[in-house]
Amino acid sequence: MAEQLSRINEQLAIKNRRAKRVWKAIAFIVGGIIAVYVLVLILATVFTFSPNQSGTTDSSQPIESIVEKE
């Protein structure tokens, strides 16, 4: 009887370690996705549009300077 309980306990310990590793991997993946999403939002905000004096959004680079580069 004690031997069976010992085996069951060992099997449950192995199962718990495996489950803990799986949850840790899932947490890292979700955390990475959130971090990349936030980084993309920040970069998109910085490099695309900035508000002008009237409160509307305008390109951060004037059209004249774009034409001159070509």
N, C-alpha and C. Protein backbone atom coordinates (compact mmCIF):
# COMPACT_ATOMS: atom_id res chain seq x y z
N MET A 1 0.82 -1.20 0.00
CA MET A 1 0.00 0.00 0.00
C MET A 1 0.87 1.27 0.00
N ALA A 2 1.87 1.29 0.85
CA ALA A 2 2.75 2.45 0.92
C ALA A 2 3.53 2.62 -0.38
N GLU A 3 3.88 1.49 -1.01
CA GLU A 3 4.62 1.55 -2.27
C GLU A 3 3.76 2.16 -3.37
N GLN A 4 2.49 1.80 -3.41
CA GLN A 4 1.58 2.37 -4.41
C GLN A 4 1.42 3.88 -4.20
N LEU A 5 1.25 4.28 -2.94
CA LEU A 5 1.12 5.71 -2.65
C LEU A 5 2.37 6.47 -3.04
N SER A 6 3.52 5.84 -2.84
CA SER A 6 4.78 6.47 -3.21
C SER A 6 4.87 6.66 -4.72
N ARG A 7 4.45 5.65 -5.48
CA ARG A 7 4.47 5.76 -6.94
C ARG A 7 3.49 6.83 -7.43
N ILE A 8 2.30 6.83 -6.85
CA ILE A 8 1.31 7.84 -7.24
C ILE A 8 1.83 9.24 -6.93
N ASN A 9 2.44 9.39 -5.76
CA ASN A 9 3.00 10.69 -5.38
C ASN A 9 4.08 11.13 -6.36
N GLU A 10 4.93 10.21 -6.77
CA GLU A 10 5.99 10.52 -7.73
C GLU A 10 5.41 10.91 -9.08
N GLN A 11 4.39 10.19 -9.53
CA GLN A 11 3.75 10.51 -10.80
C GLN A 11 3.09 11.89 -10.76
N LEU A 12 2.44 12.20 -9.64
CA LEU A 12 1.81 13.51 -9.52
C LEU A 12 2.85 14.63 -9.47
N ALA A 13 3.98 14.37 -8.84
CA ALA A 13 5.05 15.37 -8.80
C ALA A 13 5.58 15.65 -10.20
N ILE A 14 5.76 14.59 -11.00
CA ILE A 14 6.22 14.75 -12.38
C ILE A 14 5.19 15.54 -13.19
N LYS A 15 3.92 15.20 -13.01
CA LYS A 15 2.84 15.90 -13.72
C LYS A 15 2.80 17.38 -13.34
N ASN A 16 2.98 17.67 -12.05
CA ASN A 16 2.96 19.07 -11.59
C ASN A 16 4.14 19.85 -12.16
N ARG A 17 5.32 19.24 -12.23
CA ARG A 17 6.48 19.93 -12.81
C ARG A 17 6.25 20.23 -14.28
N ARG A 18 5.69 19.27 -14.99
CA ARG A 18 5.40 19.46 -16.41
C ARG A 18 4.38 20.58 -16.60
N ALA A 19 3.33 20.58 -15.81
CA ALA A 19 2.30 21.62 -15.92
C ALA A 19 2.89 23.00 -15.60
N LYS A 20 3.77 23.05 -14.61
CA LYS A 20 4.39 24.33 -14.25
C LYS A 20 5.24 24.86 -15.40
N ARG A 21 5.98 23.97 -16.07
CA ARG A 21 6.80 24.39 -17.22
C ARG A 21 5.92 24.89 -18.36
N VAL A 22 4.81 24.20 -18.61
CA VAL A 22 3.90 24.61 -19.68
C VAL A 22 3.33 25.99 -19.40
N TRP A 23 2.86 26.22 -18.17
CA TRP A 23 2.30 27.52 -17.83
C TRP A 23 3.34 28.62 -17.89
N LYS A 24 4.56 28.30 -17.50
CA LYS A 24 5.63 29.30 -17.58
C LYS A 24 5.91 29.66 -19.04
N ALA A 25 5.93 28.67 -19.92
CA ALA A 25 6.16 28.93 -21.34
C ALA A 25 5.03 29.77 -21.92
N ILE A 26 3.79 29.46 -21.55
CA ILE A 26 2.65 30.24 -22.03
C ILE A 26 2.74 31.68 -21.54
N ALA A 27 3.14 31.86 -20.29
CA ALA A 27 3.28 33.22 -19.73
C ALA A 27 4.35 34.01 -20.48
N PHE A 28 5.48 33.37 -20.80
CA PHE A 28 6.53 34.06 -21.55
C PHE A 28 6.05 34.44 -22.95
N ILE A 29 5.32 33.54 -23.60
CA ILE A 29 4.82 33.83 -24.95
C ILE A 29 3.84 35.00 -24.93
N VAL A 30 2.89 34.96 -24.00
CA VAL A 30 1.90 36.04 -23.90
C VAL A 30 2.59 37.36 -23.54
N GLY A 31 3.53 37.31 -22.61
CA GLY A 31 4.28 38.51 -22.24
C GLY A 31 5.06 39.07 -23.42
N GLY A 32 5.66 38.20 -24.21
CA GLY A 32 6.39 38.64 -25.39
C GLY A 32 5.48 39.29 -26.42
N ILE A 33 4.32 38.70 -26.63
CA ILE A 33 3.37 39.27 -27.59
C ILE A 33 2.92 40.65 -27.13
N ILE A 34 2.63 40.79 -25.84
CA ILE A 34 2.21 42.09 -25.31
C ILE A 34 3.33 43.11 -25.45
N ALA A 35 4.56 42.71 -25.15
CA ALA A 35 5.69 43.64 -25.26
C ALA A 35 5.89 44.10 -26.70
N VAL A 36 5.80 43.18 -27.65
CA VAL A 36 5.96 43.54 -29.06
C VAL A 36 4.82 44.47 -29.50
N TYR A 37 3.62 44.19 -29.05
CA TYR A 37 2.46 45.02 -29.40
C TYR A 37 2.65 46.45 -28.89
N VAL A 38 3.07 46.59 -27.64
CA VAL A 38 3.29 47.92 -27.07
C VAL A 38 4.41 48.63 -27.82
N LEU A 39 5.48 47.92 -28.15
CA LEU A 39 6.59 48.53 -28.89
C LEU A 39 6.13 49.02 -30.26
N VAL A 40 5.34 48.22 -30.95
CA VAL A 40 4.83 48.62 -32.27
C VAL A 40 3.93 49.85 -32.14
N LEU A 41 3.08 49.89 -31.12
CA LEU A 41 2.23 51.06 -30.91
C LEU A 41 3.06 52.31 -30.67
N ILE A 42 4.08 52.20 -29.84
CA ILE A 42 4.93 53.35 -29.55
C ILE A 42 5.65 53.82 -30.81
N LEU A 43 6.24 52.88 -31.55
CA LEU A 43 6.96 53.25 -32.77
C LEU A 43 6.02 53.85 -33.81
N ALA A 44 4.83 53.29 -33.95
CA ALA A 44 3.88 53.82 -34.92
C ALA A 44 3.46 55.23 -34.54
N THR A 45 3.28 55.47 -33.25
CA THR A 45 2.89 56.81 -32.80
C THR A 45 4.00 57.81 -33.04
N VAL A 46 5.22 57.42 -32.77
CA VAL A 46 6.35 58.34 -32.91
C VAL A 46 6.63 58.66 -34.37
N PHE A 47 6.59 57.67 -35.24
CA PHE A 47 7.06 57.85 -36.61
C PHE A 47 5.98 58.19 -37.64
N THR A 48 4.71 58.18 -37.30
CA THR A 48 3.71 58.43 -38.34
C THR A 48 3.09 59.82 -38.26
N PHE A 49 2.33 60.12 -37.24
CA PHE A 49 1.59 61.37 -37.21
C PHE A 49 1.87 62.14 -35.93
N SER A 50 1.81 63.47 -36.07
CA SER A 50 1.90 64.35 -34.91
C SER A 50 0.83 65.42 -35.06
N PRO A 51 0.21 65.84 -33.97
CA PRO A 51 -0.86 66.85 -34.09
C PRO A 51 -0.30 68.21 -34.46
N ASN A 52 -1.03 68.93 -35.31
CA ASN A 52 -0.60 70.30 -35.64
C ASN A 52 -1.36 71.27 -34.75
N GLN A 53 -1.26 72.56 -35.02
CA GLN A 53 -1.82 73.57 -34.13
C GLN A 53 -3.35 73.51 -34.04
N SER A 54 -4.04 73.12 -35.10
CA SER A 54 -5.50 73.12 -35.08
C SER A 54 -6.09 71.87 -34.43
N GLY A 55 -5.27 70.94 -33.99
CA GLY A 55 -5.76 69.76 -33.31
C GLY A 55 -5.97 68.56 -34.20
N THR A 56 -5.84 68.74 -35.51
CA THR A 56 -5.96 67.60 -36.42
C THR A 56 -4.59 66.96 -36.61
N THR A 57 -4.59 65.76 -37.14
CA THR A 57 -3.31 65.10 -37.35
C THR A 57 -2.75 65.46 -38.71
N ASP A 58 -1.45 65.53 -38.78
CA ASP A 58 -0.78 65.93 -40.00
C ASP A 58 0.47 65.06 -40.12
N SER A 59 0.94 64.89 -41.33
CA SER A 59 2.17 64.14 -41.52
C SER A 59 3.32 64.85 -40.82
N SER A 60 4.21 64.08 -40.22
CA SER A 60 5.31 64.69 -39.47
C SER A 60 6.39 65.25 -40.39
N GLN A 61 6.29 64.97 -41.69
CA GLN A 61 7.29 65.47 -42.64
C GLN A 61 6.56 66.25 -43.73
N PRO A 62 6.94 67.50 -43.97
CA PRO A 62 6.26 68.29 -45.00
C PRO A 62 6.42 67.67 -46.39
N ILE A 63 5.45 67.92 -47.25
CA ILE A 63 5.47 67.35 -48.60
C ILE A 63 6.65 67.90 -49.39
N GLU A 64 6.99 69.17 -49.19
CA GLU A 64 8.10 69.77 -49.93
C GLU A 64 9.41 69.02 -49.68
N SER A 65 9.66 68.63 -48.45
CA SER A 65 10.91 67.93 -48.17
C SER A 65 10.91 66.53 -48.76
N ILE A 66 9.75 65.91 -48.88
CA ILE A 66 9.67 64.59 -49.51
C ILE A 66 9.98 64.72 -51.00
N VAL A 67 9.43 65.75 -51.65
CA VAL A 67 9.65 65.95 -53.08
C VAL A 67 11.12 66.26 -53.35
N GLU A 68 11.75 67.05 -52.50
CA GLU A 68 13.15 67.41 -52.69
C GLU A 68 14.08 66.20 -52.59
N LYS A 69 13.73 65.22 -51.79
CA LYS A 69 14.58 64.04 -51.62
C LYS A 69 14.61 63.18 -52.87
N GLU A 70 13.56 63.24 -53.67
CA GLU A 70 13.49 62.40 -54.87
C GLU A 70 14.31 62.96 -55.95
